[in-house]
Protein backbone atom coordinates (compact mmCIF):
# COMPACT_ATOMS: atom_id res chain seq x y z
CA MET A 1 31.30 44.51 6.44
CA LYS A 2 28.74 45.40 3.76
CA ASN A 3 30.55 43.35 1.13
CA ARG A 4 30.24 39.95 2.75
CA LYS A 5 28.05 37.35 1.10
CA ILE A 6 26.06 34.95 2.91
CA ALA A 7 26.38 31.56 1.55
CA TRP A 8 24.11 29.40 3.78
CA PRO A 9 20.69 30.09 2.13
CA ILE A 10 21.47 28.09 -1.07
CA PRO A 11 22.33 24.89 0.77
CA ILE A 12 19.20 25.19 2.76
CA VAL A 13 17.04 25.80 -0.32
CA ILE A 14 18.70 22.76 -1.90
CA ILE A 15 17.84 20.55 1.02
CA PHE A 16 14.21 21.83 1.19
CA LEU A 17 13.74 21.24 -2.60
CA ALA A 18 15.06 17.74 -2.30
CA PHE A 19 12.80 16.97 0.66
CA LEU A 20 9.75 18.21 -1.25
CA LEU A 21 10.85 16.14 -4.32
CA SER A 22 11.34 12.99 -2.23
CA ALA A 23 8.06 13.44 -0.33
CA ASN A 24 6.34 13.80 -3.56
CA LEU A 25 7.81 10.66 -5.04
CA THR A 26 7.09 8.41 -2.05
CA ALA A 27 3.66 9.62 -1.31
CA PRO A 28 0.65 7.48 -2.65
CA LYS A 29 -0.98 9.17 -5.58
CA ASN A 30 -4.67 8.78 -5.91
CA GLU A 31 -5.57 11.57 -8.27
CA ASN A 32 -5.80 9.22 -11.46
CA GLY A 33 -8.29 6.93 -9.57
CA GLY A 34 -5.85 4.48 -7.94
CA ILE A 35 -6.58 2.27 -4.99
CA LYS A 36 -8.61 3.93 -2.03
CA PHE A 37 -7.01 2.47 1.18
CA TYR A 38 -9.47 2.19 4.23
CA ASP A 39 -8.44 4.56 6.87
CA GLY A 40 -9.28 2.11 9.86
CA THR A 41 -7.76 -0.55 11.99
CA TRP A 42 -7.70 -4.25 11.12
CA GLY A 43 -10.65 -5.13 13.10
CA GLU A 44 -12.66 -2.39 11.46
CA ALA A 45 -11.74 -3.49 8.07
CA VAL A 46 -12.73 -7.00 8.86
CA GLN A 47 -16.12 -5.92 10.19
CA LYS A 48 -16.63 -3.62 6.99
CA SER A 49 -15.66 -6.66 4.77
CA ARG A 50 -18.41 -8.50 6.31
CA HIS A 51 -20.98 -5.88 6.16
CA GLU A 52 -20.28 -4.98 2.53
CA HIS A 53 -19.80 -8.73 1.45
CA LYS A 54 -16.27 -8.04 0.14
CA LEU A 55 -12.85 -9.59 0.49
CA ILE A 56 -9.86 -7.70 2.07
CA PHE A 57 -6.81 -6.68 0.06
CA LEU A 58 -4.09 -6.25 2.60
CA ASP A 59 -0.64 -4.53 1.81
CA LEU A 60 1.95 -5.11 4.45
CA TYR A 61 4.93 -2.86 3.75
CA ALA A 62 7.90 -1.26 5.42
CA THR A 63 8.82 2.46 5.26
CA TRP A 64 12.41 1.63 4.17
CA CYS A 65 11.33 -0.95 1.50
CA GLY A 66 11.95 0.34 -2.01
CA PRO A 67 9.53 -2.02 -3.78
CA CYS A 68 6.89 -1.00 -1.37
CA ARG A 69 7.38 2.71 -2.40
CA MET A 70 7.16 1.60 -6.30
CA LEU A 71 3.99 -0.15 -5.64
CA LYS A 72 2.54 2.89 -4.06
CA ARG A 73 3.86 5.14 -6.58
CA ASN A 74 3.23 3.02 -9.76
CA THR A 75 0.87 0.01 -9.26
CA PHE A 76 -1.50 1.30 -6.52
CA ALA A 77 -1.94 4.71 -8.21
CA ASP A 78 -2.97 2.94 -11.64
CA LYS A 79 -6.45 3.78 -12.63
CA ALA A 80 -7.44 0.23 -13.83
CA VAL A 81 -6.15 -1.12 -10.52
CA GLY A 82 -8.14 1.41 -8.55
CA THR A 83 -11.22 0.66 -10.37
CA PHE A 84 -10.90 -3.29 -9.86
CA PHE A 85 -9.95 -3.20 -6.11
CA ASN A 86 -12.10 -0.38 -5.09
CA SER A 87 -15.21 -2.16 -6.46
CA HIS A 88 -14.18 -5.71 -5.23
CA TYR A 89 -12.26 -5.31 -2.04
CA ILE A 90 -11.84 -3.34 1.27
CA ASN A 91 -8.24 -2.29 0.80
CA LEU A 92 -5.94 -1.79 3.77
CA SER A 93 -2.39 -0.88 3.94
CA ILE A 94 -0.45 -1.41 7.21
CA ASP A 95 3.23 -0.95 8.30
CA GLY A 96 4.42 -4.47 8.84
CA GLU A 97 6.78 -3.11 11.48
CA THR A 98 3.91 -1.69 13.74
CA GLU A 99 2.36 -3.78 16.57
CA MET A 100 -0.60 -4.67 14.32
CA GLY A 101 1.69 -5.31 11.19
CA LYS A 102 3.89 -7.64 13.26
CA GLU A 103 0.86 -9.53 14.44
CA LEU A 104 -0.55 -9.91 10.91
CA MET A 105 2.81 -10.91 9.59
CA GLN A 106 3.24 -13.58 12.29
CA ARG A 107 -0.57 -14.83 11.64
CA TYR A 108 -0.25 -15.26 7.98
CA ARG A 109 3.52 -16.44 8.26
CA LEU A 110 5.13 -13.82 6.08
CA HIS A 111 8.68 -12.83 6.01
CA ALA A 112 9.13 -10.22 3.25
CA TYR A 113 7.99 -6.80 2.25
CA PRO A 114 5.85 -5.99 0.42
CA SER A 115 3.30 -8.71 1.23
CA LEU A 116 0.14 -8.48 -0.73
CA LEU A 117 -2.79 -10.63 0.62
CA VAL A 118 -6.25 -11.47 -0.31
CA ILE A 119 -8.25 -12.42 2.72
CA GLY A 120 -11.74 -13.63 3.13
CA GLN A 121 -14.48 -12.34 5.29
CA ASP A 122 -13.51 -15.14 7.66
CA GLU A 123 -9.78 -13.70 7.81
CA LYS A 124 -8.86 -16.95 6.04
CA LEU A 125 -5.85 -16.24 3.77
CA LEU A 126 -6.85 -16.85 0.06
CA THR A 127 -3.81 -15.90 -1.86
CA VAL A 128 -0.56 -13.94 -1.23
CA SER A 129 2.32 -12.51 -3.22
CA THR A 130 5.59 -10.80 -2.16
CA GLY A 131 7.52 -8.36 -3.90
CA TYR A 132 6.76 -5.73 -6.49
CA LEU A 133 3.85 -6.45 -9.02
CA SER A 134 2.91 -4.54 -12.14
CA PRO A 135 -0.53 -3.33 -12.42
CA ASP A 136 -1.65 -6.27 -14.64
CA LYS A 137 -0.09 -8.74 -12.21
CA LEU A 138 -1.73 -7.21 -9.22
CA ILE A 139 -5.15 -7.36 -10.98
CA ASP A 140 -4.53 -11.02 -11.74
CA LEU A 141 -3.71 -11.70 -7.91
CA GLY A 142 -7.08 -9.85 -7.11
CA LYS A 143 -9.03 -12.03 -9.68
CA ASN A 144 -7.36 -15.03 -8.32
CA GLY A 145 -8.59 -14.18 -4.76
CA LEU A 146 -12.17 -13.72 -6.07
CA GLU A 147 -11.98 -17.04 -7.62
CA LYS A 148 -10.76 -18.84 -4.43
CA GLU A 149 -13.45 -17.24 -2.56
CA ILE A 150 -16.12 -18.65 -4.79
CA GLN A 151 -14.63 -22.08 -4.54
């Protein structure tokens, strides 16, 4: 009995390492100055938008959506994107499959993930894009929203 090898720890270690790696890849990273998302409700974000005289940038995503994860990992973490959106917008990210997410998807007539919206202080939709956007294209979307608000 002393010569028996226990083989079960290796698979557990591999599973644990794979879990840590996948969690690290899907978590939004903000250490490089990316977008800082507001940690509040839709109603609170609207009030904050009115109080600070800023537009709302809304990311509607799904947890199973690959392009949504790519946006969080690549585009939202980009320093230039963070600098632009943090200074001009109240940024909010909502799972489109939650109650509030479903309500917003219906209100703005959306059917795809990710949906990226620029919304005025009056909750009027100014511009929308669906699918993955590179950092430059997301900044263009944000600039387009600012121009529409001025008009």
